[in-house]
Amino acid sequence: SPLHRAIKNDHSDVVQILLEAKIETNTLDQRQQ
């Protein structure tokens, strides 16, 4: 998910904006995380 990618690359400001937009926080990546 966009959230996974922002976290993996340490973009905290992007993570904050995505969370404020109520993006789904429980999606699974290819490792099912």
PDB file of all heavy atoms in Angstrom:
ATOM      1  N   SER A   1       0.841  -1.191   0.000  1.00  0.00           N
ATOM      2  CA  SER A   1       0.000   0.000   0.000  1.00  0.00           C
ATOM      3  C   SER A   1       0.881   1.248   0.000  1.00  0.00           C
ATOM      4  O   SER A   1       2.081   1.174   0.304  1.00  0.00           O
ATOM      5  CB  SER A   1      -0.902   0.011   1.235  1.00  0.00           C
ATOM      6  OG  SER A   1      -0.128   0.271   2.397  1.00  0.00           O
ATOM      7  N   PRO A   2       0.320   2.417  -0.323  1.00  0.00           N
ATOM      8  CA  PRO A   2       1.095   3.659  -0.208  1.00  0.00           C
ATOM      9  C   PRO A   2       1.653   3.842   1.203  1.00  0.00           C
ATOM     10  O   PRO A   2       2.757   4.355   1.378  1.00  0.00           O
ATOM     11  CB  PRO A   2       0.058   4.742  -0.546  1.00  0.00           C
ATOM     12  CG  PRO A   2      -0.919   4.053  -1.436  1.00  0.00           C
ATOM     13  CD  PRO A   2      -1.024   2.654  -0.904  1.00  0.00           C
ATOM     14  N   LEU A   3       0.889   3.399   2.195  1.00  0.00           N
ATOM     15  CA  LEU A   3       1.337   3.512   3.585  1.00  0.00           C
ATOM     16  C   LEU A   3       2.573   2.654   3.832  1.00  0.00           C
ATOM     17  O   LEU A   3       3.540   3.093   4.472  1.00  0.00           O
ATOM     18  CB  LEU A   3       0.199   3.097   4.515  1.00  0.00           C
ATOM     19  CG  LEU A   3       0.194   3.647   5.947  1.00  0.00           C
ATOM     20  CD1 LEU A   3       0.355   5.157   5.965  1.00  0.00           C
ATOM     21  CD2 LEU A   3      -1.092   3.239   6.643  1.00  0.00           C
ATOM     22  N   HIS A   4       2.551   1.437   3.329  1.00  0.00           N
ATOM     23  CA  HIS A   4       3.722   0.566   3.461  1.00  0.00           C
ATOM     24  C   HIS A   4       4.965   1.223   2.840  1.00  0.00           C
ATOM     25  O   HIS A   4       6.055   1.205   3.425  1.00  0.00           O
ATOM     26  CB  HIS A   4       3.481  -0.776   2.751  1.00  0.00           C
ATOM     27  CG  HIS A   4       2.609  -1.730   3.499  1.00  0.00           C
ATOM     28  ND1 HIS A   4       1.266  -1.845   3.257  1.00  0.00           N
ATOM     29  CD2 HIS A   4       2.887  -2.613   4.488  1.00  0.00           C
ATOM     30  CE1 HIS A   4       0.756  -2.769   4.051  1.00  0.00           C
ATOM     31  NE2 HIS A   4       1.714  -3.258   4.807  1.00  0.00           N
ATOM     32  N   ARG A   5       4.774   1.782   1.658  1.00  0.00           N
ATOM     33  CA  ARG A   5       5.928   2.348   0.942  1.00  0.00           C
ATOM     34  C   ARG A   5       6.497   3.571   1.651  1.00  0.00           C
ATOM     35  O   ARG A   5       7.711   3.751   1.709  1.00  0.00           O
ATOM     36  CB  ARG A   5       5.521   2.693  -0.491  1.00  0.00           C
ATOM     37  CG  ARG A   5       5.103   1.471  -1.293  1.00  0.00           C
ATOM     38  CD  ARG A   5       5.055   1.766  -2.770  1.00  0.00           C
ATOM     39  NE  ARG A   5       4.566   0.615  -3.527  1.00  0.00           N
ATOM     40  CZ  ARG A   5       4.665   0.494  -4.833  1.00  0.00           C
ATOM     41  NH1 ARG A   5       5.237   1.452  -5.545  1.00  0.00           N
ATOM     42  NH2 ARG A   5       4.192  -0.564  -5.455  1.00  0.00           N
ATOM     43  N   ALA A   6       5.613   4.396   2.185  1.00  0.00           N
ATOM     44  CA  ALA A   6       6.079   5.580   2.918  1.00  0.00           C
ATOM     45  C   ALA A   6       6.810   5.175   4.189  1.00  0.00           C
ATOM     46  O   ALA A   6       7.837   5.770   4.550  1.00  0.00           O
ATOM     47  CB  ALA A   6       4.894   6.481   3.245  1.00  0.00           C
ATOM     48  N   ILE A   7       6.306   4.149   4.862  1.00  0.00           N
ATOM     49  CA  ILE A   7       6.950   3.673   6.093  1.00  0.00           C
ATOM     50  C   ILE A   7       8.318   3.079   5.772  1.00  0.00           C
ATOM     51  O   ILE A   7       9.312   3.375   6.456  1.00  0.00           O
ATOM     52  CB  ILE A   7       6.058   2.629   6.794  1.00  0.00           C
ATOM     53  CG1 ILE A   7       4.811   3.298   7.365  1.00  0.00           C
ATOM     54  CG2 ILE A   7       6.820   1.912   7.900  1.00  0.00           C
ATOM     55  CD1 ILE A   7       3.750   2.332   7.853  1.00  0.00           C
ATOM     56  N   LYS A   8       8.368   2.250   4.751  1.00  0.00           N
ATOM     57  CA  LYS A   8       9.622   1.586   4.390  1.00  0.00           C
ATOM     58  C   LYS A   8      10.709   2.592   4.067  1.00  0.00           C
ATOM     59  O   LYS A   8      11.898   2.353   4.352  1.00  0.00           O
ATOM     60  CB  LYS A   8       9.388   0.661   3.198  1.00  0.00           C
ATOM     61  CG  LYS A   8      10.603  -0.174   2.827  1.00  0.00           C
ATOM     62  CD  LYS A   8      10.287  -1.141   1.704  1.00  0.00           C
ATOM     63  CE  LYS A   8      11.505  -1.989   1.348  1.00  0.00           C
ATOM     64  NZ  LYS A   8      11.201  -2.955   0.260  1.00  0.00           N
ATOM     65  N   ASN A   9      10.334   3.728   3.499  1.00  0.00           N
ATOM     66  CA  ASN A   9      11.323   4.736   3.097  1.00  0.00           C
ATOM     67  C   ASN A   9      11.420   5.895   4.085  1.00  0.00           C
ATOM     68  O   ASN A   9      12.022   6.925   3.785  1.00  0.00           O
ATOM     69  CB  ASN A   9      10.993   5.247   1.696  1.00  0.00           C
ATOM     70  CG  ASN A   9      11.212   4.189   0.635  1.00  0.00           C
ATOM     71  OD1 ASN A   9      12.336   3.943   0.213  1.00  0.00           O
ATOM     72  ND2 ASN A   9      10.148   3.525   0.201  1.00  0.00           N
ATOM     73  N   ASP A  10      10.805   5.715   5.265  1.00  0.00           N
ATOM     74  CA  ASP A  10      10.938   6.661   6.381  1.00  0.00           C
ATOM     75  C   ASP A  10      10.434   8.068   6.046  1.00  0.00           C
ATOM     76  O   ASP A  10      11.054   9.066   6.410  1.00  0.00           O
ATOM     77  CB  ASP A  10      12.406   6.731   6.847  1.00  0.00           C
ATOM     78  CG  ASP A  10      12.533   7.338   8.241  1.00  0.00           C
ATOM     79  OD1 ASP A  10      11.553   7.307   9.001  1.00  0.00           O
ATOM     80  OD2 ASP A  10      13.628   7.848   8.577  1.00  0.00           O
ATOM     81  N   HIS A  11       9.297   8.135   5.372  1.00  0.00           N
ATOM     82  CA  HIS A  11       8.688   9.427   5.055  1.00  0.00           C
ATOM     83  C   HIS A  11       7.544   9.688   6.045  1.00  0.00           C
ATOM     84  O   HIS A  11       6.365   9.457   5.738  1.00  0.00           O
ATOM     85  CB  HIS A  11       8.183   9.447   3.612  1.00  0.00           C
ATOM     86  CG  HIS A  11       9.246   9.191   2.591  1.00  0.00           C
ATOM     87  ND1 HIS A  11      10.446   9.877   2.582  1.00  0.00           N
ATOM     88  CD2 HIS A  11       9.300   8.323   1.535  1.00  0.00           C
ATOM     89  CE1 HIS A  11      11.182   9.450   1.570  1.00  0.00           C
ATOM     90  NE2 HIS A  11      10.525   8.511   0.931  1.00  0.00           N
ATOM     91  N   SER A  12       7.893  10.135   7.226  1.00  0.00           N
ATOM     92  CA  SER A  12       6.904  10.292   8.299  1.00  0.00           C
ATOM     93  C   SER A  12       5.851  11.340   7.953  1.00  0.00           C
ATOM     94  O   SER A  12       4.679  11.186   8.330  1.00  0.00           O
ATOM     95  CB  SER A  12       7.597  10.655   9.607  1.00  0.00           C
ATOM     96  OG  SER A  12       8.345  11.840   9.478  1.00  0.00           O
ATOM     97  N   ASP A  13       6.244  12.404   7.235  1.00  0.00           N
ATOM     98  CA  ASP A  13       5.264  13.433   6.885  1.00  0.00           C
ATOM     99  C   ASP A  13       4.204  12.888   5.932  1.00  0.00           C
ATOM    100  O   ASP A  13       3.023  13.228   6.034  1.00  0.00           O
ATOM    101  CB  ASP A  13       5.958  14.660   6.269  1.00  0.00           C
ATOM    102  CG  ASP A  13       6.916  14.315   5.141  1.00  0.00           C
ATOM    103  OD1 ASP A  13       7.127  13.109   4.880  1.00  0.00           O
ATOM    104  OD2 ASP A  13       7.473  15.251   4.532  1.00  0.00           O
ATOM    105  N   VAL A  14       4.617  12.005   5.029  1.00  0.00           N
ATOM    106  CA  VAL A  14       3.666  11.380   4.110  1.00  0.00           C
ATOM    107  C   VAL A  14       2.749  10.423   4.866  1.00  0.00           C
ATOM    108  O   VAL A  14       1.541  10.392   4.633  1.00  0.00           O
ATOM    109  CB  VAL A  14       4.407  10.633   2.981  1.00  0.00           C
ATOM    110  CG1 VAL A  14       3.429   9.830   2.134  1.00  0.00           C
ATOM    111  CG2 VAL A  14       5.174  11.626   2.108  1.00  0.00           C
ATOM    112  N   VAL A  15       3.321   9.666   5.789  1.00  0.00           N
ATOM    113  CA  VAL A  15       2.512   8.750   6.601  1.00  0.00           C
ATOM    114  C   VAL A  15       1.437   9.522   7.347  1.00  0.00           C
ATOM    115  O   VAL A  15       0.272   9.122   7.394  1.00  0.00           O
ATOM    116  CB  VAL A  15       3.406   7.971   7.595  1.00  0.00           C
ATOM    117  CG1 VAL A  15       2.550   7.208   8.609  1.00  0.00           C
ATOM    118  CG2 VAL A  15       4.315   7.005   6.852  1.00  0.00           C
ATOM    119  N   GLN A  16       1.815  10.659   7.923  1.00  0.00           N
ATOM    120  CA  GLN A  16       0.860  11.463   8.685  1.00  0.00           C
ATOM    121  C   GLN A  16      -0.289  11.944   7.806  1.00  0.00           C
ATOM    122  O   GLN A  16      -1.464  11.870   8.194  1.00  0.00           O
ATOM    123  CB  GLN A  16       1.578  12.666   9.306  1.00  0.00           C
ATOM    124  CG  GLN A  16       0.723  13.498  10.245  1.00  0.00           C
ATOM    125  CD  GLN A  16       0.274  12.721  11.461  1.00  0.00           C
ATOM    126  OE1 GLN A  16       1.074  12.093  12.141  1.00  0.00           O
ATOM    127  NE2 GLN A  16      -1.024  12.734  11.734  1.00  0.00           N
ATOM    128  N   ILE A  17       0.035  12.416   6.603  1.00  0.00           N
ATOM    129  CA  ILE A  17      -1.001  12.895   5.689  1.00  0.00           C
ATOM    130  C   ILE A  17      -1.931  11.759   5.267  1.00  0.00           C
ATOM    131  O   ILE A  17      -3.155  11.932   5.191  1.00  0.00           O
ATOM    132  CB  ILE A  17      -0.350  13.548   4.449  1.00  0.00           C
ATOM    133  CG1 ILE A  17       0.317  14.875   4.833  1.00  0.00           C
ATOM    134  CG2 ILE A  17      -1.380  13.784   3.362  1.00  0.00           C
ATOM    135  CD1 ILE A  17      -0.646  15.913   5.361  1.00  0.00           C
ATOM    136  N   LEU A  18      -1.362  10.601   4.985  1.00  0.00           N
ATOM    137  CA  LEU A  18      -2.182   9.455   4.590  1.00  0.00           C
ATOM    138  C   LEU A  18      -3.119   9.027   5.712  1.00  0.00           C
ATOM    139  O   LEU A  18      -4.290   8.698   5.474  1.00  0.00           O
ATOM    140  CB  LEU A  18      -1.285   8.283   4.179  1.00  0.00           C
ATOM    141  CG  LEU A  18      -0.486   8.457   2.880  1.00  0.00           C
ATOM    142  CD1 LEU A  18       0.498   7.315   2.691  1.00  0.00           C
ATOM    143  CD2 LEU A  18      -1.417   8.561   1.677  1.00  0.00           C
ATOM    144  N   LEU A  19      -2.624   9.053   6.934  1.00  0.00           N
ATOM    145  CA  LEU A  19      -3.461   8.675   8.075  1.00  0.00           C
ATOM    146  C   LEU A  19      -4.568   9.699   8.301  1.00  0.00           C
ATOM    147  O   LEU A  19      -5.704   9.344   8.618  1.00  0.00           O
ATOM    148  CB  LEU A  19      -2.601   8.518   9.331  1.00  0.00           C
ATOM    149  CG  LEU A  19      -1.627   7.337   9.321  1.00  0.00           C
ATOM    150  CD1 LEU A  19      -0.744   7.358  10.565  1.00  0.00           C
ATOM    151  CD2 LEU A  19      -2.374   6.015   9.218  1.00  0.00           C
ATOM    152  N   GLU A  20      -4.238  10.970   8.128  1.00  0.00           N
ATOM    153  CA  GLU A  20      -5.253  12.016   8.276  1.00  0.00           C
ATOM    154  C   GLU A  20      -6.334  11.879   7.205  1.00  0.00           C
ATOM    155  O   GLU A  20      -7.491  12.274   7.428  1.00  0.00           O
ATOM    156  CB  GLU A  20      -4.604  13.393   8.187  1.00  0.00           C
ATOM    157  CG  GLU A  20      -3.748  13.743   9.402  1.00  0.00           C
ATOM    158  CD  GLU A  20      -3.014  15.063   9.239  1.00  0.00           C
ATOM    159  OE1 GLU A  20      -3.198  15.719   8.190  1.00  0.00           O
ATOM    160  OE2 GLU A  20      -2.239  15.441  10.147  1.00  0.00           O
ATOM    161  N   ALA A  21      -5.972  11.312   6.054  1.00  0.00           N
ATOM    162  CA  ALA A  21      -6.940  11.102   4.979  1.00  0.00           C
ATOM    163  C   ALA A  21      -7.759   9.830   5.202  1.00  0.00           C
ATOM    164  O   ALA A  21      -8.563   9.450   4.345  1.00  0.00           O
ATOM    165  CB  ALA A  21      -6.223  11.032   3.640  1.00  0.00           C
ATOM    166  N   LYS A  22      -7.537   9.176   6.337  1.00  0.00           N
ATOM    167  CA  LYS A  22      -8.285   7.964   6.702  1.00  0.00           C
ATOM    168  C   LYS A  22      -8.025   6.819   5.725  1.00  0.00           C
ATOM    169  O   LYS A  22      -8.912   6.002   5.441  1.00  0.00           O
ATOM    170  CB  LYS A  22      -9.790   8.235   6.774  1.00  0.00           C
ATOM    171  CG  LYS A  22     -10.172   9.387   7.691  1.00  0.00           C
ATOM    172  CD  LYS A  22      -9.746   9.131   9.132  1.00  0.00           C
ATOM    173  CE  LYS A  22     -10.155  10.274  10.056  1.00  0.00           C
ATOM    174  NZ  LYS A  22      -9.672  10.079  11.442  1.00  0.00           N
ATOM    175  N   ILE A  23      -6.809   6.746   5.224  1.00  0.00           N
ATOM    176  CA  ILE A  23      -6.461   5.635   4.355  1.00  0.00           C
ATOM    177  C   ILE A  23      -6.473   4.350   5.164  1.00  0.00           C
ATOM    178  O   ILE A  23      -6.202   4.357   6.378  1.00  0.00           O
ATOM    179  CB  ILE A  23      -5.073   5.873   3.709  1.00  0.00           C
ATOM    180  CG1 ILE A  23      -4.845   4.887   2.567  1.00  0.00           C
ATOM    181  CG2 ILE A  23      -3.958   5.765   4.739  1.00  0.00           C
ATOM    182  CD1 ILE A  23      -3.621   5.197   1.731  1.00  0.00           C
ATOM    183  N   GLU A  24      -6.799   3.243   4.535  1.00  0.00           N
ATOM    184  CA  GLU A  24      -6.879   1.943   5.226  1.00  0.00           C
ATOM    185  C   GLU A  24      -5.538   1.605   5.882  1.00  0.00           C
ATOM    186  O   GLU A  24      -4.491   1.605   5.228  1.00  0.00           O
ATOM    187  CB  GLU A  24      -7.255   0.851   4.222  1.00  0.00           C
ATOM    188  CG  GLU A  24      -7.224  -0.559   4.788  1.00  0.00           C
ATOM    189  CD  GLU A  24      -8.161  -0.741   5.960  1.00  0.00           C
ATOM    190  OE1 GLU A  24      -9.352  -0.368   5.834  1.00  0.00           O
ATOM    191  OE2 GLU A  24      -7.695  -1.240   7.002  1.00  0.00           O
ATOM    192  N   THR A  25      -5.558   1.330   7.182  1.00  0.00           N
ATOM    193  CA  THR A  25      -4.313   1.099   7.929  1.00  0.00           C
ATOM    194  C   THR A  25      -3.983  -0.374   8.113  1.00  0.00           C
ATOM    195  O   THR A  25      -2.936  -0.696   8.677  1.00  0.00           O
ATOM    196  CB  THR A  25      -4.389   1.756   9.318  1.00  0.00           C
ATOM    197  OG1 THR A  25      -5.502   1.199  10.030  1.00  0.00           O
ATOM    198  CG2 THR A  25      -4.549   3.254   9.211  1.00  0.00           C
ATOM    199  N   ASN A  26      -4.857  -1.250   7.641  1.00  0.00           N
ATOM    200  CA  ASN A  26      -4.653  -2.671   7.934  1.00  0.00           C
ATOM    201  C   ASN A  26      -4.453  -3.522   6.688  1.00  0.00           C
ATOM    202  O   ASN A  26      -4.616  -4.736   6.728  1.00  0.00           O
ATOM    203  CB  ASN A  26      -5.843  -3.207   8.737  1.00  0.00           C
ATOM    204  CG  ASN A  26      -6.008  -2.473  10.056  1.00  0.00           C
ATOM    205  OD1 ASN A  26      -5.039  -2.287  10.794  1.00  0.00           O
ATOM    206  ND2 ASN A  26      -7.222  -2.021  10.337  1.00  0.00           N
ATOM    207  N   THR A  27      -4.097  -2.880   5.573  1.00  0.00           N
ATOM    208  CA  THR A  27      -3.823  -3.644   4.360  1.00  0.00           C
ATOM    209  C   THR A  27      -2.565  -4.479   4.553  1.00  0.00           C
ATOM    210  O   THR A  27      -1.690  -4.155   5.366  1.00  0.00           O
ATOM    211  CB  THR A  27      -3.628  -2.709   3.161  1.00  0.00           C
ATOM    212  OG1 THR A  27      -2.599  -1.759   3.471  1.00  0.00           O
ATOM    213  CG2 THR A  27      -4.906  -1.969   2.834  1.00  0.00           C
ATOM    214  N   LEU A  28      -2.467  -5.543   3.775  1.00  0.00           N
ATOM    215  CA  LEU A  28      -1.335  -6.462   3.882  1.00  0.00           C
ATOM    216  C   LEU A  28      -0.401  -6.298   2.691  1.00  0.00           C
ATOM    217  O   LEU A  28      -0.853  -6.127   1.559  1.00  0.00           O
ATOM    218  CB  LEU A  28      -1.832  -7.905   3.951  1.00  0.00           C
ATOM    219  CG  LEU A  28      -2.791  -8.239   5.098  1.00  0.00           C
ATOM    220  CD1 LEU A  28      -3.239  -9.695   4.995  1.00  0.00           C
ATOM    221  CD2 LEU A  28      -2.152  -7.966   6.449  1.00  0.00           C
ATOM    222  N   ASP A  29       0.900  -6.336   2.946  1.00  0.00           N
ATOM    223  CA  ASP A  29       1.865  -6.276   1.852  1.00  0.00           C
ATOM    224  C   ASP A  29       2.154  -7.688   1.359  1.00  0.00           C
ATOM    225  O   ASP A  29       1.492  -8.654   1.738  1.00  0.00           O
ATOM    226  CB  ASP A  29       3.137  -5.537   2.281  1.00  0.00           C
ATOM    227  CG  ASP A  29       3.881  -6.261   3.412  1.00  0.00           C
ATOM    228  OD1 ASP A  29       3.536  -7.428   3.719  1.00  0.00           O
ATOM    229  OD2 ASP A  29       4.815  -5.664   3.981  1.00  0.00           O
ATOM    230  N   GLN A  30       3.175  -7.832   0.508  1.00  0.00           N
ATOM    231  CA  GLN A  30       3.468  -9.143  -0.080  1.00  0.00           C
ATOM    232  C   GLN A  30       3.988 -10.131   0.953  1.00  0.00           C
ATOM    233  O   GLN A  30       3.999 -11.348   0.706  1.00  0.00           O
ATOM    234  CB  GLN A  30       4.467  -8.996  -1.218  1.00  0.00           C
ATOM    235  CG  GLN A  30       5.727  -8.232  -0.863  1.00  0.00           C
ATOM    236  CD  GLN A  30       6.515  -7.832  -2.085  1.00  0.00           C
ATOM    237  OE1 GLN A  30       6.289  -8.320  -3.179  1.00  0.00           O
ATOM    238  NE2 GLN A  30       7.457  -6.929  -1.925  1.00  0.00           N
ATOM    239  N   ARG A  31       4.402  -9.626   2.117  1.00  0.00           N
ATOM    240  CA  ARG A  31       4.804 -10.514   3.217  1.00  0.00           C
ATOM    241  C   ARG A  31       3.657 -10.736   4.198  1.00  0.00           C
ATOM    242  O   ARG A  31       3.852 -11.294   5.259  1.00  0.00           O
ATOM    243  CB  ARG A  31       6.000  -9.910   3.953  1.00  0.00           C
ATOM    244  CG  ARG A  31       7.253  -9.747   3.105  1.00  0.00           C
ATOM    245  CD  ARG A  31       8.311  -8.945   3.831  1.00  0.00           C
ATOM    246  NE  ARG A  31       8.706  -9.565   5.091  1.00  0.00           N
ATOM    247  CZ  ARG A  31       9.441  -8.955   6.015  1.00  0.00           C
ATOM    248  NH1 ARG A  31       9.835  -7.704   5.827  1.00  0.00           N
ATOM    249  NH2 ARG A  31       9.774  -9.576   7.121  1.00  0.00           N
ATOM    250  N   GLN A  32       2.476 -10.250   3.783  1.00  0.00           N
ATOM    251  CA  GLN A  32       1.271 -10.368   4.615  1.00  0.00           C
ATOM    252  C   GLN A  32       1.410  -9.605   5.927  1.00  0.00           C
ATOM    253  O   GLN A  32       0.857  -9.990   6.950  1.00  0.00           O
ATOM    254  CB  GLN A  32       0.955 -11.845   4.896  1.00  0.00           C
ATOM    255  CG  GLN A  32       0.597 -12.660   3.661  1.00  0.00           C
ATOM    256  CD  GLN A  32      -0.696 -12.150   3.003  1.00  0.00           C
ATOM    257  OE1 GLN A  32      -1.751 -12.180   3.598  1.00  0.00           O
ATOM    258  NE2 GLN A  32      -0.574 -11.677   1.772  1.00  0.00           N
ATOM    259  N   GLN A  33       2.163  -8.508   5.870  1.00  0.00           N
ATOM    260  CA  GLN A  33       2.329  -7.660   7.042  1.00  0.00           C
ATOM    261  C   GLN A  33       1.506  -6.388   6.898  1.00  0.00           C
ATOM    262  O   GLN A  33       1.402  -5.821   5.812  1.00  0.00           O
ATOM    263  CB  GLN A  33       3.798  -7.289   7.244  1.00  0.00           C
ATOM    264  CG  GLN A  33       4.678  -8.432   7.698  1.00  0.00           C
ATOM    265  CD  GLN A  33       6.060  -7.939   8.104  1.00  0.00           C
ATOM    266  OE1 GLN A  33       6.575  -6.959   7.566  1.00  0.00           O
ATOM    267  NE2 GLN A  33       6.669  -8.617   9.055  1.00  0.00           N
TER     268      GLN A  33
END
